[in-house]
């Protein structure tokens, strides 16, 4: 037997011995392609039928980790806003500044803050790598538009009611700073702070 084949066979035998020592659950988790589950996974429901699943962040998660953890909830919120304003979903992530795209984008920012408790940086990262100051400005203008325009308020309330009716529990996750959530943004009732900052 040639030397490379002997080394490859030895490595193969070591690998098989290692796999044999693992428990079946660990084996299926570590090597899913080699040991597929006998139970067929349930098919994923359509995006409009999915429920909001709130996540519990660890201390000091990075913005990318938070955005990754909240990606399904954020996609559900963005799709709901796009459907209520009748615009393409990809335009909410785009840089377009037309009012028909800006209004649902601001509504999505406010819903992510209110329903998911995400920080400004995480919301900006999810919505096309925007800066946190852009999100802060968008939230301040959302408050102004909500008070001034009845059609905007009606669409926002309909989207919020649909998302809350979709199974969301409104326990908010802590923001970027403290684990107790002490530096979260104020709600719509105390929007005077946002107006002063903007």
N, C-alpha and C. Protein backbone atom coordinates (compact mmCIF):
# COMPACT_ATOMS: atom_id res chain seq x y z
N UNK A 1 0.85 -1.17 0.00
CA UNK A 1 0.00 0.00 0.00
C UNK A 1 0.90 1.23 0.00
N UNK A 2 0.52 2.19 -0.81
CA UNK A 2 1.34 3.40 -0.88
C UNK A 2 1.11 4.25 0.37
N UNK A 3 2.05 5.11 0.66
CA UNK A 3 2.03 5.91 1.88
C UNK A 3 0.81 6.84 1.97
N UNK A 4 0.44 7.63 0.91
CA UNK A 4 -0.74 8.51 1.03
C UNK A 4 -2.03 7.74 1.29
N UNK A 5 -2.18 6.58 0.69
CA UNK A 5 -3.41 5.81 0.92
C UNK A 5 -3.46 5.29 2.35
N UNK A 6 -2.32 4.91 2.91
CA UNK A 6 -2.30 4.46 4.30
C UNK A 6 -2.67 5.56 5.26
N UNK A 7 -2.20 6.78 5.01
CA UNK A 7 -2.54 7.93 5.87
C UNK A 7 -4.02 8.25 5.75
N UNK A 8 -4.55 8.23 4.54
CA UNK A 8 -5.97 8.52 4.33
C UNK A 8 -6.84 7.48 5.02
N UNK A 9 -6.43 6.18 4.93
CA UNK A 9 -7.21 5.12 5.59
C UNK A 9 -7.17 5.29 7.10
N UNK A 10 -6.02 5.64 7.65
CA UNK A 10 -5.90 5.84 9.09
C UNK A 10 -6.77 7.01 9.55
N UNK A 11 -6.76 8.10 8.79
CA UNK A 11 -7.62 9.24 9.15
C UNK A 11 -9.09 8.86 9.08
N UNK A 12 -9.45 8.09 8.08
CA UNK A 12 -10.83 7.65 7.94
C UNK A 12 -11.25 6.79 9.14
N UNK A 13 -10.39 5.86 9.55
CA UNK A 13 -10.71 4.99 10.68
C UNK A 13 -10.80 5.80 11.99
N UNK A 14 -9.93 6.79 12.17
CA UNK A 14 -10.02 7.64 13.35
C UNK A 14 -11.33 8.42 13.39
N UNK A 15 -11.71 8.94 12.23
CA UNK A 15 -12.96 9.70 12.13
C UNK A 15 -14.15 8.81 12.48
N UNK A 16 -14.18 7.59 11.93
CA UNK A 16 -15.29 6.67 12.20
C UNK A 16 -15.34 6.30 13.69
N UNK A 17 -14.18 6.12 14.32
CA UNK A 17 -14.15 5.80 15.74
C UNK A 17 -14.66 6.97 16.57
N UNK A 18 -14.31 8.18 16.16
CA UNK A 18 -14.80 9.37 16.86
C UNK A 18 -16.32 9.48 16.74
N UNK A 19 -16.84 9.27 15.55
CA UNK A 19 -18.29 9.37 15.33
C UNK A 19 -19.02 8.30 16.12
N UNK A 20 -18.45 7.11 16.21
CA UNK A 20 -19.10 6.01 16.94
C UNK A 20 -19.21 6.32 18.44
N UNK A 21 -18.29 7.12 18.98
CA UNK A 21 -18.33 7.45 20.41
C UNK A 21 -19.37 8.51 20.74
N UNK A 22 -19.87 9.25 19.75
CA UNK A 22 -20.84 10.32 20.00
C UNK A 22 -22.22 9.76 20.27
N UNK A 23 -23.01 10.50 21.04
CA UNK A 23 -24.40 10.10 21.25
C UNK A 23 -25.19 10.35 19.96
N UNK A 24 -26.31 9.66 19.77
CA UNK A 24 -27.09 9.85 18.52
C UNK A 24 -27.54 11.29 18.30
N UNK A 25 -27.92 12.01 19.37
CA UNK A 25 -28.37 13.39 19.21
C UNK A 25 -27.22 14.28 18.76
N UNK A 26 -26.04 14.09 19.38
CA UNK A 26 -24.88 14.89 18.99
C UNK A 26 -24.45 14.54 17.57
N UNK A 27 -24.52 13.26 17.24
CA UNK A 27 -24.14 12.81 15.90
C UNK A 27 -25.02 13.48 14.85
N UNK A 28 -26.32 13.54 15.11
CA UNK A 28 -27.24 14.15 14.14
C UNK A 28 -27.04 15.65 14.05
N UNK A 29 -26.64 16.29 15.18
CA UNK A 29 -26.43 17.73 15.16
C UNK A 29 -25.12 18.11 14.49
N UNK A 30 -24.05 17.35 14.75
CA UNK A 30 -22.74 17.69 14.22
C UNK A 30 -22.59 17.27 12.77
N UNK A 31 -23.16 16.13 12.43
CA UNK A 31 -23.04 15.61 11.06
C UNK A 31 -24.43 15.40 10.47
N UNK A 32 -25.17 16.47 10.18
CA UNK A 32 -26.56 16.29 9.71
C UNK A 32 -26.65 15.62 8.35
N UNK A 33 -25.64 15.81 7.50
CA UNK A 33 -25.71 15.19 6.17
C UNK A 33 -25.50 13.68 6.26
N UNK A 34 -24.69 13.22 7.22
CA UNK A 34 -24.44 11.78 7.35
C UNK A 34 -25.56 11.06 8.07
N UNK A 35 -26.22 11.75 9.00
CA UNK A 35 -27.27 11.13 9.79
C UNK A 35 -28.54 11.97 9.72
N UNK A 36 -29.28 11.91 8.62
CA UNK A 36 -30.49 12.73 8.52
C UNK A 36 -31.54 12.29 9.54
N UNK A 37 -32.33 13.24 9.97
CA UNK A 37 -33.37 12.94 10.94
C UNK A 37 -34.42 12.04 10.31
N UNK A 38 -34.94 11.12 11.11
CA UNK A 38 -35.98 10.22 10.59
C UNK A 38 -37.32 10.93 10.50
N UNK A 39 -37.47 11.97 11.29
CA UNK A 39 -38.73 12.73 11.27
C UNK A 39 -38.59 13.84 10.23
N UNK A 40 -39.54 13.89 9.31
CA UNK A 40 -39.51 14.94 8.29
C UNK A 40 -39.84 16.27 8.94
N UNK A 41 -39.04 17.31 8.69
CA UNK A 41 -39.36 18.61 9.27
C UNK A 41 -40.63 19.17 8.65
N UNK A 42 -41.36 19.93 9.45
CA UNK A 42 -42.59 20.54 8.95
C UNK A 42 -42.26 21.58 7.91
N UNK A 43 -43.08 21.69 6.87
CA UNK A 43 -42.79 22.72 5.85
C UNK A 43 -42.93 24.10 6.44
N UNK A 44 -42.12 25.04 5.96
CA UNK A 44 -42.17 26.40 6.45
C UNK A 44 -43.45 27.08 5.96
N UNK A 45 -44.16 27.77 6.84
CA UNK A 45 -45.36 28.47 6.38
C UNK A 45 -44.98 29.68 5.53
N UNK A 46 -45.95 30.15 4.78
CA UNK A 46 -45.73 31.34 3.97
C UNK A 46 -45.38 32.51 4.89
N UNK A 47 -44.69 33.49 4.32
CA UNK A 47 -44.19 34.60 5.13
C UNK A 47 -45.32 35.34 5.83
N UNK A 48 -46.46 35.50 5.15
CA UNK A 48 -47.57 36.23 5.75
C UNK A 48 -48.21 35.46 6.90
N UNK A 49 -48.01 34.12 6.95
CA UNK A 49 -48.63 33.31 7.99
C UNK A 49 -47.69 33.04 9.15
N UNK A 50 -46.43 33.48 9.05
CA UNK A 50 -45.48 33.23 10.14
C UNK A 50 -45.81 34.09 11.34
N UNK A 51 -45.41 33.65 12.48
CA UNK A 51 -45.66 34.37 13.71
C UNK A 51 -44.39 35.06 14.16
N UNK A 52 -44.53 36.17 14.84
CA UNK A 52 -43.36 36.84 15.39
C UNK A 52 -42.80 36.01 16.54
N UNK A 53 -41.53 35.74 16.49
CA UNK A 53 -40.86 35.00 17.55
C UNK A 53 -39.81 35.92 18.14
N UNK A 54 -40.04 36.34 19.36
CA UNK A 54 -39.10 37.25 19.98
C UNK A 54 -37.88 36.47 20.46
N UNK A 55 -36.73 37.07 20.39
CA UNK A 55 -35.49 36.41 20.75
C UNK A 55 -34.93 37.03 22.01
N UNK A 56 -34.20 36.26 22.74
CA UNK A 56 -33.60 36.73 23.99
C UNK A 56 -32.11 36.96 23.74
N UNK A 57 -31.66 38.21 23.69
CA UNK A 57 -30.26 38.46 23.37
C UNK A 57 -29.33 38.14 24.53
N UNK A 58 -28.11 37.76 24.20
CA UNK A 58 -27.07 37.62 25.21
C UNK A 58 -26.57 39.02 25.55
N UNK A 59 -25.76 39.11 26.59
CA UNK A 59 -25.16 40.41 26.89
C UNK A 59 -24.17 40.75 25.79
N UNK A 60 -24.22 41.98 25.35
CA UNK A 60 -23.26 42.54 24.40
C UNK A 60 -23.19 41.77 23.08
N UNK A 61 -24.32 41.57 22.46
CA UNK A 61 -24.31 41.01 21.11
C UNK A 61 -23.91 42.12 20.14
N UNK A 62 -23.23 41.76 19.09
CA UNK A 62 -22.89 42.77 18.09
C UNK A 62 -24.13 43.10 17.26
N UNK A 63 -24.05 44.17 16.51
CA UNK A 63 -25.18 44.58 15.68
C UNK A 63 -25.50 43.51 14.65
N UNK A 64 -24.47 42.89 14.09
CA UNK A 64 -24.69 41.86 13.08
C UNK A 64 -25.38 40.65 13.70
N UNK A 65 -24.97 40.27 14.93
CA UNK A 65 -25.60 39.15 15.60
C UNK A 65 -27.07 39.44 15.92
N UNK A 66 -27.35 40.67 16.36
CA UNK A 66 -28.73 41.02 16.65
C UNK A 66 -29.58 41.03 15.38
N UNK A 67 -29.02 41.57 14.31
CA UNK A 67 -29.76 41.60 13.05
C UNK A 67 -30.01 40.18 12.55
N UNK A 68 -29.03 39.29 12.71
CA UNK A 68 -29.20 37.91 12.28
C UNK A 68 -30.26 37.22 13.12
N UNK A 69 -30.26 37.49 14.43
CA UNK A 69 -31.24 36.86 15.31
C UNK A 69 -32.66 37.36 15.02
N UNK A 70 -32.79 38.61 14.59
CA UNK A 70 -34.11 39.20 14.35
C UNK A 70 -34.53 39.17 12.89
N UNK A 71 -33.80 38.45 12.04
CA UNK A 71 -34.04 38.55 10.61
C UNK A 71 -35.43 38.09 10.19
N UNK A 72 -35.98 37.03 10.77
CA UNK A 72 -37.30 36.57 10.35
C UNK A 72 -38.38 37.52 10.81
N UNK A 73 -38.25 38.04 12.05
CA UNK A 73 -39.22 39.03 12.53
C UNK A 73 -39.16 40.31 11.71
N UNK A 74 -37.94 40.75 11.41
CA UNK A 74 -37.79 41.97 10.62
C UNK A 74 -38.35 41.79 9.22
N UNK A 75 -38.11 40.64 8.61
CA UNK A 75 -38.66 40.38 7.28
C UNK A 75 -40.17 40.37 7.30
N UNK A 76 -40.75 39.82 8.37
CA UNK A 76 -42.20 39.81 8.49
C UNK A 76 -42.74 41.23 8.62
N UNK A 77 -42.08 42.07 9.40
CA UNK A 77 -42.51 43.46 9.56
C UNK A 77 -42.37 44.23 8.26
N UNK A 78 -41.24 44.08 7.57
CA UNK A 78 -41.02 44.80 6.30
C UNK A 78 -42.04 44.35 5.26
N UNK A 79 -42.30 43.06 5.17
CA UNK A 79 -43.28 42.57 4.20
C UNK A 79 -44.69 43.06 4.51
N UNK A 80 -45.02 43.12 5.78
CA UNK A 80 -46.35 43.62 6.18
C UNK A 80 -46.49 45.09 5.81
N UNK A 81 -45.46 45.89 6.09
CA UNK A 81 -45.52 47.33 5.73
C UNK A 81 -45.60 47.51 4.22
N UNK A 82 -44.81 46.74 3.47
CA UNK A 82 -44.84 46.86 2.01
C UNK A 82 -46.22 46.49 1.47
N UNK A 83 -46.84 45.49 2.06
CA UNK A 83 -48.17 45.08 1.59
C UNK A 83 -49.22 46.14 1.91
N UNK A 84 -49.15 46.76 3.09
CA UNK A 84 -50.15 47.76 3.47
C UNK A 84 -49.98 49.05 2.68
N UNK A 85 -48.78 49.38 2.23
CA UNK A 85 -48.56 50.58 1.43
C UNK A 85 -48.50 50.25 -0.06
N UNK A 86 -48.60 48.98 -0.41
CA UNK A 86 -48.63 48.53 -1.80
C UNK A 86 -47.38 48.98 -2.57
N UNK A 87 -46.22 48.65 -2.01
CA UNK A 87 -44.94 48.94 -2.67
C UNK A 87 -44.12 47.65 -2.69
N UNK A 88 -43.13 47.55 -3.59
CA UNK A 88 -42.27 46.36 -3.60
C UNK A 88 -41.42 46.29 -2.33
N UNK A 89 -41.21 45.10 -1.84
CA UNK A 89 -40.48 44.91 -0.59
C UNK A 89 -39.05 45.41 -0.70
N UNK A 90 -38.40 45.16 -1.83
CA UNK A 90 -36.99 45.53 -1.96
C UNK A 90 -36.77 47.04 -1.90
N UNK A 91 -37.81 47.84 -2.16
CA UNK A 91 -37.65 49.29 -2.11
C UNK A 91 -37.55 49.82 -0.67
N UNK A 92 -37.97 49.02 0.32
CA UNK A 92 -37.81 49.45 1.70
C UNK A 92 -36.36 49.30 2.16
N UNK A 93 -35.60 48.42 1.50
CA UNK A 93 -34.19 48.26 1.81
C UNK A 93 -33.32 49.17 0.95
N UNK A 94 -33.90 49.76 -0.08
CA UNK A 94 -33.16 50.55 -1.06
C UNK A 94 -32.90 51.96 -0.53
N UNK A 95 -32.14 52.74 -1.32
CA UNK A 95 -31.82 54.11 -0.92
C UNK A 95 -32.81 55.13 -1.48
N UNK A 96 -33.86 54.68 -2.13
CA UNK A 96 -34.81 55.59 -2.75
C UNK A 96 -35.44 56.52 -1.72
N UNK A 97 -35.56 57.80 -2.08
CA UNK A 97 -36.11 58.79 -1.16
C UNK A 97 -37.50 59.26 -1.56
N UNK A 98 -38.13 58.59 -2.49
CA UNK A 98 -39.49 58.96 -2.85
C UNK A 98 -40.42 58.69 -1.68
N UNK A 99 -41.41 59.55 -1.52
CA UNK A 99 -42.27 59.47 -0.35
C UNK A 99 -43.03 58.15 -0.30
N UNK A 100 -43.36 57.57 -1.46
CA UNK A 100 -44.11 56.30 -1.44
C UNK A 100 -43.28 55.17 -0.84
N UNK A 101 -41.95 55.30 -0.83
CA UNK A 101 -41.09 54.29 -0.23
C UNK A 101 -40.63 54.70 1.17
N UNK A 102 -40.50 55.99 1.41
CA UNK A 102 -40.01 56.46 2.69
C UNK A 102 -41.04 56.22 3.80
N UNK A 103 -42.32 56.44 3.51
CA UNK A 103 -43.35 56.28 4.54
C UNK A 103 -43.43 54.85 5.07
N UNK A 104 -43.50 53.82 4.21
CA UNK A 104 -43.52 52.46 4.78
C UNK A 104 -42.20 52.08 5.45
N UNK A 105 -41.08 52.66 4.98
CA UNK A 105 -39.79 52.38 5.63
C UNK A 105 -39.79 52.93 7.06
N UNK A 106 -40.32 54.14 7.23
CA UNK A 106 -40.40 54.71 8.57
C UNK A 106 -41.35 53.91 9.46
N UNK A 107 -42.45 53.45 8.88
CA UNK A 107 -43.38 52.62 9.66
C UNK A 107 -42.70 51.32 10.09
N UNK A 108 -41.91 50.73 9.20
CA UNK A 108 -41.18 49.50 9.55
C UNK A 108 -40.18 49.76 10.67
N UNK A 109 -39.50 50.92 10.61
CA UNK A 109 -38.56 51.28 11.69
C UNK A 109 -39.30 51.36 13.02
N UNK A 110 -40.45 52.03 13.02
CA UNK A 110 -41.20 52.21 14.27
C UNK A 110 -41.72 50.87 14.78
N UNK A 111 -42.17 50.00 13.89
CA UNK A 111 -42.67 48.70 14.32
C UNK A 111 -41.55 47.82 14.87
N UNK A 112 -40.37 47.90 14.25
CA UNK A 112 -39.25 47.13 14.78
C UNK A 112 -38.86 47.61 16.17
N UNK A 113 -38.92 48.93 16.36
CA UNK A 113 -38.60 49.48 17.69
C UNK A 113 -39.67 49.08 18.70
N UNK A 114 -40.95 49.25 18.34
CA UNK A 114 -42.02 49.03 19.29
C UNK A 114 -42.28 47.55 19.58
N UNK A 115 -42.29 46.72 18.54
CA UNK A 115 -42.64 45.31 18.73
C UNK A 115 -41.44 44.45 19.12
N UNK A 116 -40.28 44.73 18.55
CA UNK A 116 -39.12 43.88 18.80
C UNK A 116 -38.13 44.49 19.79
N UNK A 117 -38.22 45.79 20.03
CA UNK A 117 -37.31 46.43 20.96
C UNK A 117 -35.88 46.48 20.45
N UNK A 118 -35.69 46.55 19.15
CA UNK A 118 -34.35 46.58 18.58
C UNK A 118 -33.73 47.96 18.75
N UNK A 119 -32.43 48.02 18.81
CA UNK A 119 -31.73 49.29 18.92
C UNK A 119 -31.72 50.01 17.58
N UNK A 120 -31.39 51.29 17.61
CA UNK A 120 -31.35 52.07 16.37
C UNK A 120 -30.32 51.51 15.39
N UNK A 121 -29.16 51.11 15.90
CA UNK A 121 -28.11 50.57 15.03
C UNK A 121 -28.55 49.29 14.36
N UNK A 122 -29.22 48.42 15.11
CA UNK A 122 -29.68 47.15 14.55
C UNK A 122 -30.75 47.38 13.49
N UNK A 123 -31.68 48.29 13.76
CA UNK A 123 -32.72 48.60 12.77
C UNK A 123 -32.08 49.16 11.50
N UNK A 124 -31.12 50.06 11.67
CA UNK A 124 -30.43 50.61 10.50
C UNK A 124 -29.68 49.55 9.72
N UNK A 125 -29.05 48.62 10.42
CA UNK A 125 -28.32 47.54 9.74
C UNK A 125 -29.28 46.66 8.95
N UNK A 126 -30.44 46.36 9.53
CA UNK A 126 -31.42 45.50 8.85
C UNK A 126 -31.97 46.20 7.61
N UNK A 127 -32.24 47.49 7.72
CA UNK A 127 -32.86 48.22 6.61
C UNK A 127 -31.81 48.85 5.70
N UNK A 128 -30.91 48.08 5.21
CA UNK A 128 -29.98 48.55 4.19
C UNK A 128 -28.75 49.24 4.71
N UNK A 129 -28.21 48.81 5.86
CA UNK A 129 -26.96 49.34 6.41
C UNK A 129 -27.03 50.86 6.61
N UNK A 130 -28.14 51.33 7.17
CA UNK A 130 -28.28 52.75 7.46
C UNK A 130 -27.66 53.07 8.81
N UNK A 131 -27.31 54.33 8.99
CA UNK A 131 -26.72 54.80 10.24
C UNK A 131 -27.82 54.94 11.29
N UNK A 132 -27.45 54.88 12.57
CA UNK A 132 -28.44 54.99 13.63
C UNK A 132 -29.07 56.38 13.65
N UNK A 133 -28.35 57.41 13.21
CA UNK A 133 -28.95 58.75 13.18
C UNK A 133 -30.02 58.85 12.10
N UNK A 134 -29.86 58.11 11.02
CA UNK A 134 -30.90 58.06 9.99
C UNK A 134 -32.16 57.44 10.55
N UNK A 135 -32.00 56.38 11.35
CA UNK A 135 -33.16 55.74 11.96
C UNK A 135 -33.81 56.67 12.98
N UNK A 136 -33.01 57.38 13.75
CA UNK A 136 -33.55 58.32 14.73
C UNK A 136 -34.36 59.41 14.04
N UNK A 137 -33.84 59.94 12.93
CA UNK A 137 -34.57 60.94 12.16
C UNK A 137 -35.86 60.36 11.58
N UNK A 138 -35.77 59.13 11.07
CA UNK A 138 -36.96 58.49 10.52
C UNK A 138 -38.04 58.27 11.56
N UNK A 139 -37.63 57.90 12.77
CA UNK A 139 -38.61 57.70 13.84
C UNK A 139 -39.25 59.02 14.27
N UNK A 140 -38.46 60.09 14.30
CA UNK A 140 -39.02 61.40 14.65
C UNK A 140 -40.03 61.84 13.59
N UNK A 141 -39.68 61.64 12.35
CA UNK A 141 -40.62 62.02 11.27
C UNK A 141 -41.83 61.10 11.22
N UNK A 142 -41.64 59.85 11.63
CA UNK A 142 -42.79 58.94 11.73
C UNK A 142 -43.80 59.49 12.73
N UNK A 143 -43.31 59.98 13.87
CA UNK A 143 -44.21 60.54 14.88
C UNK A 143 -44.98 61.75 14.33
N UNK A 144 -44.27 62.62 13.62
CA UNK A 144 -44.93 63.80 13.04
C UNK A 144 -45.97 63.40 12.00
N UNK A 145 -45.60 62.46 11.13
CA UNK A 145 -46.53 62.02 10.08
C UNK A 145 -47.72 61.30 10.68
N UNK A 146 -47.49 60.52 11.72
CA UNK A 146 -48.58 59.78 12.36
C UNK A 146 -49.61 60.75 12.93
N UNK A 147 -49.15 61.87 13.50
CA UNK A 147 -50.06 62.85 14.06
C UNK A 147 -50.76 63.67 12.98
N UNK A 148 -50.07 63.91 11.85
CA UNK A 148 -50.59 64.84 10.85
C UNK A 148 -51.47 64.18 9.79
N UNK A 149 -51.20 62.95 9.42
CA UNK A 149 -51.92 62.33 8.29
C UNK A 149 -52.73 61.13 8.76
N UNK A 150 -54.04 61.21 8.53
CA UNK A 150 -54.93 60.13 8.95
C UNK A 150 -54.72 58.87 8.14
N UNK A 151 -54.45 59.00 6.83
CA UNK A 151 -54.27 57.80 6.01
C UNK A 151 -53.03 57.02 6.44
N UNK A 152 -51.95 57.74 6.77
CA UNK A 152 -50.73 57.09 7.26
C UNK A 152 -50.99 56.38 8.59
N UNK A 153 -51.69 57.09 9.49
CA UNK A 153 -51.98 56.51 10.80
C UNK A 153 -52.85 55.26 10.66
N UNK A 154 -53.81 55.29 9.74
CA UNK A 154 -54.69 54.13 9.55
C UNK A 154 -53.90 52.93 9.02
N UNK A 155 -53.01 53.16 8.06
CA UNK A 155 -52.20 52.06 7.52
C UNK A 155 -51.24 51.52 8.58
N UNK A 156 -50.63 52.42 9.34
CA UNK A 156 -49.70 51.99 10.39
C UNK A 156 -50.44 51.17 11.45
N UNK A 157 -51.60 51.64 11.87
CA UNK A 157 -52.37 50.92 12.89
C UNK A 157 -52.82 49.56 12.37
N UNK A 158 -53.20 49.49 11.07
CA UNK A 158 -53.60 48.21 10.49
C UNK A 158 -52.43 47.23 10.45
N UNK A 159 -51.25 47.72 10.07
CA UNK A 159 -50.06 46.85 10.04
C UNK A 159 -49.70 46.39 11.45
N UNK A 160 -49.76 47.31 12.42
CA UNK A 160 -49.44 46.95 13.80
C UNK A 160 -50.44 45.93 14.35
N UNK A 161 -51.72 46.14 14.05
CA UNK A 161 -52.74 45.20 14.53
C UNK A 161 -52.55 43.82 13.89
N UNK A 162 -52.18 43.79 12.62
CA UNK A 162 -51.94 42.51 11.96
C UNK A 162 -50.77 41.78 12.58
N UNK A 163 -49.69 42.51 12.88
CA UNK A 163 -48.52 41.88 13.48
C UNK A 163 -48.79 41.43 14.92
N UNK A 164 -49.52 42.23 15.67
CA UNK A 164 -49.86 41.82 17.03
C UNK A 164 -50.81 40.64 17.02
N UNK A 165 -51.71 40.60 16.07
CA UNK A 165 -52.63 39.48 15.94
C UNK A 165 -51.95 38.22 15.41
N UNK A 166 -50.72 38.38 14.94
CA UNK A 166 -49.95 37.27 14.40
C UNK A 166 -49.23 36.50 15.50
N UNK A 167 -49.48 36.83 16.75
CA UNK A 167 -48.92 36.05 17.85
C UNK A 167 -47.76 36.69 18.55
N UNK A 168 -47.59 37.99 18.43
CA UNK A 168 -46.45 38.64 19.06
C UNK A 168 -46.76 38.88 20.53
N UNK A 169 -45.81 38.56 21.38
CA UNK A 169 -45.89 39.00 22.76
C UNK A 169 -44.99 40.21 22.85
N UNK A 170 -45.44 41.23 23.49
CA UNK A 170 -44.77 42.51 23.39
C UNK A 170 -43.75 42.73 24.49
N UNK A 171 -43.06 41.70 24.93
CA UNK A 171 -41.92 41.88 25.83
C UNK A 171 -40.76 42.33 24.98
N UNK A 172 -40.21 43.48 25.29
CA UNK A 172 -39.15 44.01 24.45
C UNK A 172 -37.81 43.50 24.91
N UNK A 173 -36.90 43.33 23.96
CA UNK A 173 -35.54 42.90 24.28
C UNK A 173 -34.73 44.11 24.72
N UNK A 174 -33.70 43.91 25.54
CA UNK A 174 -32.87 45.04 25.94
C UNK A 174 -32.17 45.67 24.75
N UNK A 175 -31.92 46.96 24.85
CA UNK A 175 -31.22 47.67 23.79
C UNK A 175 -29.72 47.42 23.90
N UNK A 176 -28.92 48.15 23.13
CA UNK A 176 -27.49 47.88 23.05
C UNK A 176 -26.76 48.02 24.37
N UNK A 177 -27.15 48.94 25.22
CA UNK A 177 -26.36 49.25 26.39
C UNK A 177 -26.48 48.23 27.50
N UNK A 178 -27.42 48.44 28.40
CA UNK A 178 -27.53 47.61 29.58
C UNK A 178 -28.39 46.39 29.30
N UNK A 179 -28.19 45.36 30.09
CA UNK A 179 -28.98 44.15 29.94
C UNK A 179 -30.40 44.35 30.44
N UNK A 180 -30.63 45.36 31.29
CA UNK A 180 -31.98 45.59 31.79
C UNK A 180 -32.79 46.48 30.87
N UNK A 181 -32.23 46.93 29.77
CA UNK A 181 -32.98 47.71 28.79
C UNK A 181 -33.20 49.14 29.21
N UNK A 182 -32.33 49.71 30.03
CA UNK A 182 -32.57 51.05 30.57
C UNK A 182 -32.41 52.15 29.53
N UNK A 183 -31.74 51.88 28.40
CA UNK A 183 -31.58 52.94 27.41
C UNK A 183 -32.36 52.64 26.14
N UNK A 184 -33.58 52.11 26.30
CA UNK A 184 -34.44 51.90 25.15
C UNK A 184 -35.06 53.22 24.74
N UNK A 185 -35.54 53.27 23.50
CA UNK A 185 -36.19 54.48 23.01
C UNK A 185 -37.54 54.66 23.67
N UNK A 186 -38.00 55.88 23.80
CA UNK A 186 -39.33 56.10 24.35
C UNK A 186 -40.41 55.65 23.37
N UNK A 187 -41.58 55.36 23.89
CA UNK A 187 -42.67 54.93 23.02
C UNK A 187 -43.31 56.14 22.36
N UNK A 188 -44.37 55.89 21.57
CA UNK A 188 -45.04 56.95 20.84
C UNK A 188 -45.64 57.99 21.79
N UNK A 189 -46.02 57.56 23.00
CA UNK A 189 -46.62 58.50 23.94
C UNK A 189 -45.65 59.56 24.39
N UNK A 190 -44.36 59.23 24.45
CA UNK A 190 -43.39 60.23 24.89
C UNK A 190 -42.46 60.61 23.73
N UNK A 191 -43.04 61.01 22.63
CA UNK A 191 -42.25 61.32 21.44
C UNK A 191 -41.66 62.73 21.45
N UNK A 192 -41.95 63.51 22.50
CA UNK A 192 -41.41 64.87 22.55
C UNK A 192 -39.89 64.85 22.58
N UNK A 193 -39.32 63.84 23.20
CA UNK A 193 -37.84 63.74 23.26
C UNK A 193 -37.30 63.57 21.85
N UNK A 194 -37.92 62.70 21.07
CA UNK A 194 -37.47 62.49 19.70
C UNK A 194 -37.57 63.76 18.88
N UNK A 195 -38.64 64.52 19.07
CA UNK A 195 -38.82 65.75 18.31
C UNK A 195 -37.76 66.78 18.66
N UNK A 196 -37.37 66.82 19.95
CA UNK A 196 -36.33 67.75 20.35
C UNK A 196 -34.98 67.36 19.79
N UNK A 197 -34.68 66.05 19.71
CA UNK A 197 -33.41 65.59 19.20
C UNK A 197 -33.29 65.88 17.71
N UNK A 198 -34.39 65.65 16.97
CA UNK A 198 -34.39 65.86 15.52
C UNK A 198 -34.41 67.32 15.24
